[in-house]
Amino acid sequence: MSRSPFIPFVDVPRELDRGACVGAPDPDIFYPATAEQRSEALAVCGTCPVVDACLTLGRAGKHTGVWGGQLLLYGEPAKRLLYTDENLETRPRGRAKRVA
């Protein structure tokens, strides 16, 4: 076992040290906020020799982000990004407005 470069305090099997994501210049793409980031992450996963083991770990650990070529939300496949490119800057923040 070794420590994950992306998730502190998570032990991962040694075979994942051979993952295409190891040493990626921008690890944030594996936690995509935009469709472009998601596409970049999936392209990296497409070249990965340990994609099946990665997906198994992501699902078993109930992780969120791109794991094994899939976007996961708490270990389950996500149907879509939480925020798209169009609504990323306009997403709700803070408290809901009071309706009188």
C-alpha atoms as a PDB file:
ATOM      1  CA  MET A   1       0.000   0.000   0.000  1.00  0.00           C
ATOM      2  CA  SER A   2       1.049   3.578  -0.624  1.00  0.00           C
ATOM      3  CA  ARG A   3      -0.492   6.987  -0.027  1.00  0.00           C
ATOM      4  CA  SER A   4      -2.660   8.531  -2.729  1.00  0.00           C
ATOM      5  CA  PRO A   5      -1.142  11.668  -4.280  1.00  0.00           C
ATOM      6  CA  PHE A   6      -4.646  13.113  -4.647  1.00  0.00           C
ATOM      7  CA  ILE A   7      -6.426  12.125  -1.458  1.00  0.00           C
ATOM      8  CA  PRO A   8      -4.492  12.568   1.779  1.00  0.00           C
ATOM      9  CA  PHE A   9      -4.642   9.705   4.272  1.00  0.00           C
ATOM     10  CA  VAL A  10      -6.008   7.168   1.766  1.00  0.00           C
ATOM     11  CA  ASP A  11      -4.042   3.980   1.229  1.00  0.00           C
ATOM     12  CA  VAL A  12      -4.111   2.667  -2.318  1.00  0.00           C
ATOM     13  CA  PRO A  13      -2.827  -0.611  -3.755  1.00  0.00           C
ATOM     14  CA  ARG A  14       0.719  -0.430  -5.142  1.00  0.00           C
ATOM     15  CA  GLU A  15      -0.518  -1.274  -8.629  1.00  0.00           C
ATOM     16  CA  LEU A  16      -2.161   2.152  -8.823  1.00  0.00           C
ATOM     17  CA  ASP A  17       1.314   3.702  -8.694  1.00  0.00           C
ATOM     18  CA  ARG A  18       1.423   2.811 -12.409  1.00  0.00           C
ATOM     19  CA  GLY A  19      -1.696   4.877 -13.105  1.00  0.00           C
ATOM     20  CA  ALA A  20      -1.680   7.414 -15.925  1.00  0.00           C
ATOM     21  CA  CYS A  21      -2.834  10.074 -13.424  1.00  0.00           C
ATOM     22  CA  VAL A  22       0.278   9.751 -11.267  1.00  0.00           C
ATOM     23  CA  GLY A  23       2.345  12.856 -11.822  1.00  0.00           C
ATOM     24  CA  ALA A  24      -0.415  14.599 -13.771  1.00  0.00           C
ATOM     25  CA  PRO A  25       0.413  18.314 -14.100  1.00  0.00           C
ATOM     26  CA  ASP A  26      -3.083  19.346 -12.945  1.00  0.00           C
ATOM     27  CA  PRO A  27      -4.684  16.872 -10.511  1.00  0.00           C
ATOM     28  CA  ASP A  28      -7.735  19.151 -10.208  1.00  0.00           C
ATOM     29  CA  ILE A  29      -9.063  17.768 -13.504  1.00  0.00           C
ATOM     30  CA  PHE A  30      -9.947  14.566 -11.636  1.00  0.00           C
ATOM     31  CA  TYR A  31     -12.401  16.606  -9.542  1.00  0.00           C
ATOM     32  CA  PRO A  32     -13.996  18.408 -12.494  1.00  0.00           C
ATOM     33  CA  ALA A  33     -16.011  21.575 -12.175  1.00  0.00           C
ATOM     34  CA  THR A  34     -16.350  21.953 -15.947  1.00  0.00           C
ATOM     35  CA  ALA A  35     -17.073  19.672 -18.880  1.00  0.00           C
ATOM     36  CA  GLU A  36     -13.623  20.514 -20.268  1.00  0.00           C
ATOM     37  CA  GLN A  37     -11.915  19.247 -17.099  1.00  0.00           C
ATOM     38  CA  ARG A  38     -14.023  16.107 -17.190  1.00  0.00           C
ATOM     39  CA  SER A  39     -12.992  15.450 -20.811  1.00  0.00           C
ATOM     40  CA  GLU A  40      -9.312  15.943 -19.939  1.00  0.00           C
ATOM     41  CA  ALA A  41      -9.574  13.499 -17.035  1.00  0.00           C
ATOM     42  CA  LEU A  42     -11.348  10.885 -19.132  1.00  0.00           C
ATOM     43  CA  ALA A  43      -8.662  11.223 -21.816  1.00  0.00           C
ATOM     44  CA  VAL A  44      -5.985  10.458 -19.203  1.00  0.00           C
ATOM     45  CA  CYS A  45      -7.992   7.478 -17.948  1.00  0.00           C
ATOM     46  CA  GLY A  46      -8.289   6.215 -21.516  1.00  0.00           C
ATOM     47  CA  THR A  47      -4.526   5.566 -21.561  1.00  0.00           C
ATOM     48  CA  CYS A  48      -4.326   4.033 -18.082  1.00  0.00           C
ATOM     49  CA  PRO A  49      -3.176   0.440 -17.524  1.00  0.00           C
ATOM     50  CA  VAL A  50      -4.888   0.145 -14.109  1.00  0.00           C
ATOM     51  CA  VAL A  51      -8.268   1.700 -14.886  1.00  0.00           C
ATOM     52  CA  ASP A  52     -10.260  -1.285 -13.505  1.00  0.00           C
ATOM     53  CA  ALA A  53      -8.468  -1.299 -10.144  1.00  0.00           C
ATOM     54  CA  CYS A  54      -8.935   2.462  -9.889  1.00  0.00           C
ATOM     55  CA  LEU A  55     -12.677   2.217 -10.505  1.00  0.00           C
ATOM     56  CA  THR A  56     -12.958  -0.560  -7.918  1.00  0.00           C
ATOM     57  CA  LEU A  57     -11.177   1.595  -5.329  1.00  0.00           C
ATOM     58  CA  GLY A  58     -13.315   4.646  -6.150  1.00  0.00           C
ATOM     59  CA  ARG A  59     -16.550   2.723  -5.782  1.00  0.00           C
ATOM     60  CA  ALA A  60     -15.499   0.809  -2.648  1.00  0.00           C
ATOM     61  CA  GLY A  61     -14.212   3.962  -0.944  1.00  0.00           C
ATOM     62  CA  LYS A  62     -17.319   5.949  -1.920  1.00  0.00           C
ATOM     63  CA  HIS A  63     -15.095   8.614  -3.489  1.00  0.00           C
ATOM     64  CA  THR A  64     -16.170  11.587  -5.578  1.00  0.00           C
ATOM     65  CA  GLY A  65     -14.379  12.615  -8.760  1.00  0.00           C
ATOM     66  CA  VAL A  66     -13.093  10.761 -11.809  1.00  0.00           C
ATOM     67  CA  TRP A  67     -12.048   7.242 -10.860  1.00  0.00           C
ATOM     68  CA  GLY A  68     -11.339   4.507 -13.392  1.00  0.00           C
ATOM     69  CA  GLY A  69     -12.714   6.506 -16.286  1.00  0.00           C
ATOM     70  CA  GLN A  70     -16.017   7.328 -14.596  1.00  0.00           C
ATOM     71  CA  LEU A  71     -17.293  10.384 -12.787  1.00  0.00           C
ATOM     72  CA  LEU A  72     -18.348   9.172  -9.343  1.00  0.00           C
ATOM     73  CA  LEU A  73     -20.403  10.884  -6.680  1.00  0.00           C
ATOM     74  CA  TYR A  74     -19.877   9.162  -3.314  1.00  0.00           C
ATOM     75  CA  GLY A  75     -18.875   5.960  -5.112  1.00  0.00           C
ATOM     76  CA  GLU A  76     -21.838   5.856  -7.475  1.00  0.00           C
ATOM     77  CA  PRO A  77     -21.733   6.863 -11.153  1.00  0.00           C
ATOM     78  CA  ALA A  78     -22.796  10.490 -11.543  1.00  0.00           C
ATOM     79  CA  LYS A  79     -25.286  11.145 -14.315  1.00  0.00           C
ATOM     80  CA  ARG A  80     -23.964  14.667 -14.942  1.00  0.00           C
ATOM     81  CA  LEU A  81     -21.659  17.318 -13.583  1.00  0.00           C
ATOM     82  CA  LEU A  82     -23.065  19.169 -10.621  1.00  0.00           C
ATOM     83  CA  TYR A  83     -22.451  22.424 -12.452  1.00  0.00           C
ATOM     84  CA  THR A  84     -22.044  22.874 -16.182  1.00  0.00           C
ATOM     85  CA  ASP A  85     -19.858  25.435 -17.945  1.00  0.00           C
ATOM     86  CA  GLU A  86     -22.922  27.612 -18.421  1.00  0.00           C
ATOM     87  CA  ASN A  87     -24.049  27.802 -14.784  1.00  0.00           C
ATOM     88  CA  LEU A  88     -20.727  27.472 -12.959  1.00  0.00           C
ATOM     89  CA  GLU A  89     -20.469  31.190 -12.190  1.00  0.00           C
ATOM     90  CA  THR A  90     -24.181  31.653 -11.472  1.00  0.00           C
ATOM     91  CA  ARG A  91     -24.649  28.738  -9.095  1.00  0.00           C
ATOM     92  CA  PRO A  92     -26.415  29.622  -5.865  1.00  0.00           C
ATOM     93  CA  ARG A  93     -24.204  30.685  -2.978  1.00  0.00           C
ATOM     94  CA  GLY A  94     -24.929  31.552   0.619  1.00  0.00           C
ATOM     95  CA  ARG A  95     -28.382  31.544   2.152  1.00  0.00           C
ATOM     96  CA  ALA A  96     -31.593  31.219   0.224  1.00  0.00           C
ATOM     97  CA  LYS A  97     -33.447  34.488  -0.232  1.00  0.00           C
ATOM     98  CA  ARG A  98     -36.368  35.035   2.084  1.00  0.00           C
ATOM     99  CA  VAL A  99     -39.734  35.099   0.352  1.00  0.00           C
ATOM    100  CA  ALA A 100     -42.264  37.405   1.995  1.00  0.00           C
END
